[in-house]
Amino acid sequence: MKTVSNSIITMTELVLPQHTNQLGNLLGGQLMHWIDICAALASAKHAGRICVTASVDKIDFHHPIKLGDVVTIVASVNRVFNSSMEVGISVCAENYSKGNKLHTNSAYLTFVGLSSDGIPVKSEPIIPESDEEKRRYKEAQVRREVRLKLRNK
């Protein structure tokens, strides 16, 4: 039995000049790239196999992330369906010299585990333990229903 806590991946990145736009803010595409990698690792950790991105629901940008900030991305599997699983992401930015830390982004992505032949494979269910994990587990079902409705339009 695999738990949500067993799927957690934490990545830390330093925002450097090549990651920013003309305003000194982290490029949205760069953050999406980091989010995708972190989510892929969380899904692969749970599934024990290579997992690929099937969809991105949305990424909310609450606050800009600045040059020199330290970005921490935390991913965990919220729920496993058949061959797909929803991964939740939380992003925080911290400026060590100013001593401030902000939750800047949230995202939900769907990943699919693949066999060595590239065929989708059923993944083992995940067990939520904490109240927060149980809430995210329930909400993942609602998001899945919305995804399926939109896909079938």
Protein backbone atom coordinates (compact mmCIF):
# COMPACT_ATOMS: atom_id res chain seq x y z
CA MET A 1 0.00 0.00 0.00
CA LYS A 2 1.45 3.34 -1.07
CA THR A 3 0.60 6.54 0.73
CA VAL A 4 0.50 10.12 -0.52
CA SER A 5 3.46 10.99 1.69
CA ASN A 6 5.56 8.38 -0.15
CA SER A 7 5.06 10.28 -3.42
CA ILE A 8 6.28 13.69 -2.24
CA ILE A 9 9.02 15.36 -4.25
CA THR A 10 10.57 18.70 -3.27
CA MET A 11 12.66 20.68 -5.75
CA THR A 12 14.55 23.87 -5.01
CA GLU A 13 15.69 26.28 -7.73
CA LEU A 14 17.48 29.62 -7.64
CA VAL A 15 16.07 32.22 -10.04
CA LEU A 16 18.98 33.36 -12.20
CA PRO A 17 19.08 36.05 -14.93
CA GLN A 18 18.46 33.50 -17.72
CA HIS A 19 15.17 32.54 -16.00
CA THR A 20 13.70 36.06 -16.00
CA ASN A 21 11.91 38.51 -18.27
CA GLN A 22 12.77 42.19 -18.79
CA LEU A 23 11.13 43.08 -15.46
CA GLY A 24 13.33 40.69 -13.49
CA ASN A 25 10.45 38.28 -12.89
CA LEU A 26 10.64 34.52 -13.37
CA LEU A 27 9.31 33.54 -16.79
CA GLY A 28 6.01 31.66 -16.53
CA GLY A 29 7.28 29.06 -19.00
CA GLN A 30 10.36 28.41 -16.88
CA LEU A 31 8.21 27.83 -13.82
CA MET A 32 5.91 25.54 -15.81
CA HIS A 33 8.98 23.54 -16.88
CA TRP A 34 10.11 23.12 -13.26
CA ILE A 35 6.55 22.21 -12.20
CA ASP A 36 6.31 19.56 -14.94
CA ILE A 37 9.60 17.97 -13.88
CA CYS A 38 8.65 17.90 -10.19
CA ALA A 39 5.22 16.43 -10.96
CA ALA A 40 6.74 13.81 -13.28
CA LEU A 41 9.10 12.73 -10.51
CA ALA A 42 6.27 12.46 -7.96
CA SER A 43 4.15 10.34 -10.32
CA ALA A 44 7.13 8.15 -11.25
CA LYS A 45 8.01 7.70 -7.58
CA HIS A 46 4.49 6.47 -6.90
CA ALA A 47 4.13 4.32 -10.02
CA GLY A 48 7.66 2.94 -10.06
CA ARG A 49 7.88 3.68 -13.78
CA ILE A 50 8.25 6.50 -16.27
CA CYS A 51 5.19 8.73 -16.29
CA VAL A 52 4.29 11.33 -18.89
CA THR A 53 2.20 14.49 -18.75
CA ALA A 54 -1.35 13.90 -19.97
CA SER A 55 -2.81 17.29 -19.07
CA VAL A 56 -2.37 20.46 -17.08
CA ASP A 57 -5.60 21.76 -15.54
CA LYS A 58 -4.36 25.22 -14.76
CA ILE A 59 -1.55 27.05 -13.07
CA ASP A 60 -2.47 29.96 -10.85
CA PHE A 61 0.07 32.79 -10.58
CA HIS A 62 -0.60 34.59 -7.27
CA HIS A 63 2.60 36.65 -6.94
CA PRO A 64 5.60 37.37 -9.17
CA ILE A 65 8.83 35.53 -8.40
CA LYS A 66 11.89 37.77 -8.60
CA LEU A 67 15.49 37.38 -9.72
CA GLY A 68 17.45 35.96 -6.79
CA ASP A 69 14.45 34.31 -5.14
CA VAL A 70 14.68 30.69 -4.06
CA VAL A 71 11.78 28.67 -5.46
CA THR A 72 10.57 25.54 -3.67
CA ILE A 73 8.21 23.26 -5.59
CA VAL A 74 6.43 20.46 -3.75
CA ALA A 75 4.54 17.77 -5.66
CA SER A 76 2.53 14.78 -4.49
CA VAL A 77 0.05 12.39 -6.03
CA ASN A 78 -3.46 13.41 -4.97
CA ARG A 79 -5.30 10.42 -6.41
CA VAL A 80 -4.81 7.50 -8.78
CA PHE A 81 -7.56 6.66 -11.23
CA ASN A 82 -6.98 3.93 -13.81
CA SER A 83 -3.79 4.52 -15.73
CA SER A 84 -3.78 8.20 -14.79
CA MET A 85 -3.02 10.06 -11.60
CA GLU A 86 -3.50 13.64 -10.48
CA VAL A 87 -0.46 15.41 -9.06
CA GLY A 88 -0.87 18.55 -6.96
CA ILE A 89 1.81 21.23 -6.90
CA SER A 90 2.56 24.03 -4.47
CA VAL A 91 5.18 26.68 -5.23
CA CYS A 92 6.76 29.05 -2.70
CA ALA A 93 9.30 31.79 -3.33
CA GLU A 94 11.65 32.97 -0.63
CA ASN A 95 14.02 35.89 -0.51
CA TYR A 96 16.67 35.08 2.07
CA SER A 97 18.00 38.65 2.36
CA LYS A 98 14.53 40.12 2.95
CA GLY A 99 13.36 37.18 5.06
CA ASN A 100 10.03 36.78 3.27
CA LYS A 101 8.38 33.64 1.93
CA LEU A 102 5.25 33.57 -0.26
CA HIS A 103 3.03 30.87 -1.70
CA THR A 104 3.14 31.96 -5.34
CA ASN A 105 1.56 29.21 -7.40
CA SER A 106 -0.66 26.14 -7.37
CA ALA A 107 -1.15 23.63 -10.15
CA TYR A 108 -2.80 20.30 -10.96
CA LEU A 109 -1.40 17.98 -13.60
CA THR A 110 -2.44 14.55 -14.81
CA PHE A 111 0.21 11.92 -15.52
CA VAL A 112 0.05 8.45 -17.05
CA GLY A 113 2.44 5.62 -16.26
CA LEU A 114 3.80 3.83 -19.31
CA SER A 115 5.12 0.34 -19.91
CA SER A 116 8.49 -0.13 -21.63
CA ASP A 117 6.49 -0.31 -24.89
CA GLY A 118 4.89 3.08 -24.23
CA ILE A 119 1.48 1.64 -23.36
CA PRO A 120 -0.51 3.16 -20.45
CA VAL A 121 -0.37 0.94 -17.37
CA LYS A 122 -2.69 0.79 -14.38
CA SER A 123 -1.11 2.28 -11.26
CA GLU A 124 -1.50 1.16 -7.67
CA PRO A 125 -4.08 3.15 -5.68
CA ILE A 126 -2.81 5.77 -3.27
CA ILE A 127 -3.84 6.08 0.36
CA PRO A 128 -4.41 9.54 1.82
CA GLU A 129 -3.66 9.72 5.54
CA SER A 130 -3.88 13.30 6.81
CA ASP A 131 -7.02 15.44 6.69
CA GLU A 132 -5.36 17.61 4.01
CA GLU A 133 -4.50 14.56 1.88
CA LYS A 134 -8.06 13.24 2.25
CA ARG A 135 -9.48 16.61 1.17
CA ARG A 136 -7.21 16.71 -1.91
CA TYR A 137 -8.11 13.08 -2.67
CA LYS A 138 -11.84 13.90 -2.72
CA GLU A 139 -11.36 17.11 -4.70
CA ALA A 140 -9.29 15.23 -7.30
CA GLN A 141 -12.37 13.17 -8.20
CA VAL A 142 -14.37 16.36 -8.84
CA ARG A 143 -11.58 17.78 -11.03
CA ARG A 144 -11.41 14.49 -12.95
CA GLU A 145 -15.13 14.64 -13.70
CA VAL A 146 -14.72 18.18 -15.05
CA ARG A 147 -11.72 17.09 -17.17
CA LEU A 148 -13.70 14.19 -18.65
CA LYS A 149 -16.71 16.40 -19.42
CA LEU A 150 -14.50 18.94 -21.20
CA ARG A 151 -12.70 16.20 -23.12
CA ASN A 152 -15.96 14.70 -24.36
CA LYS A 153 -17.33 17.99 -25.74
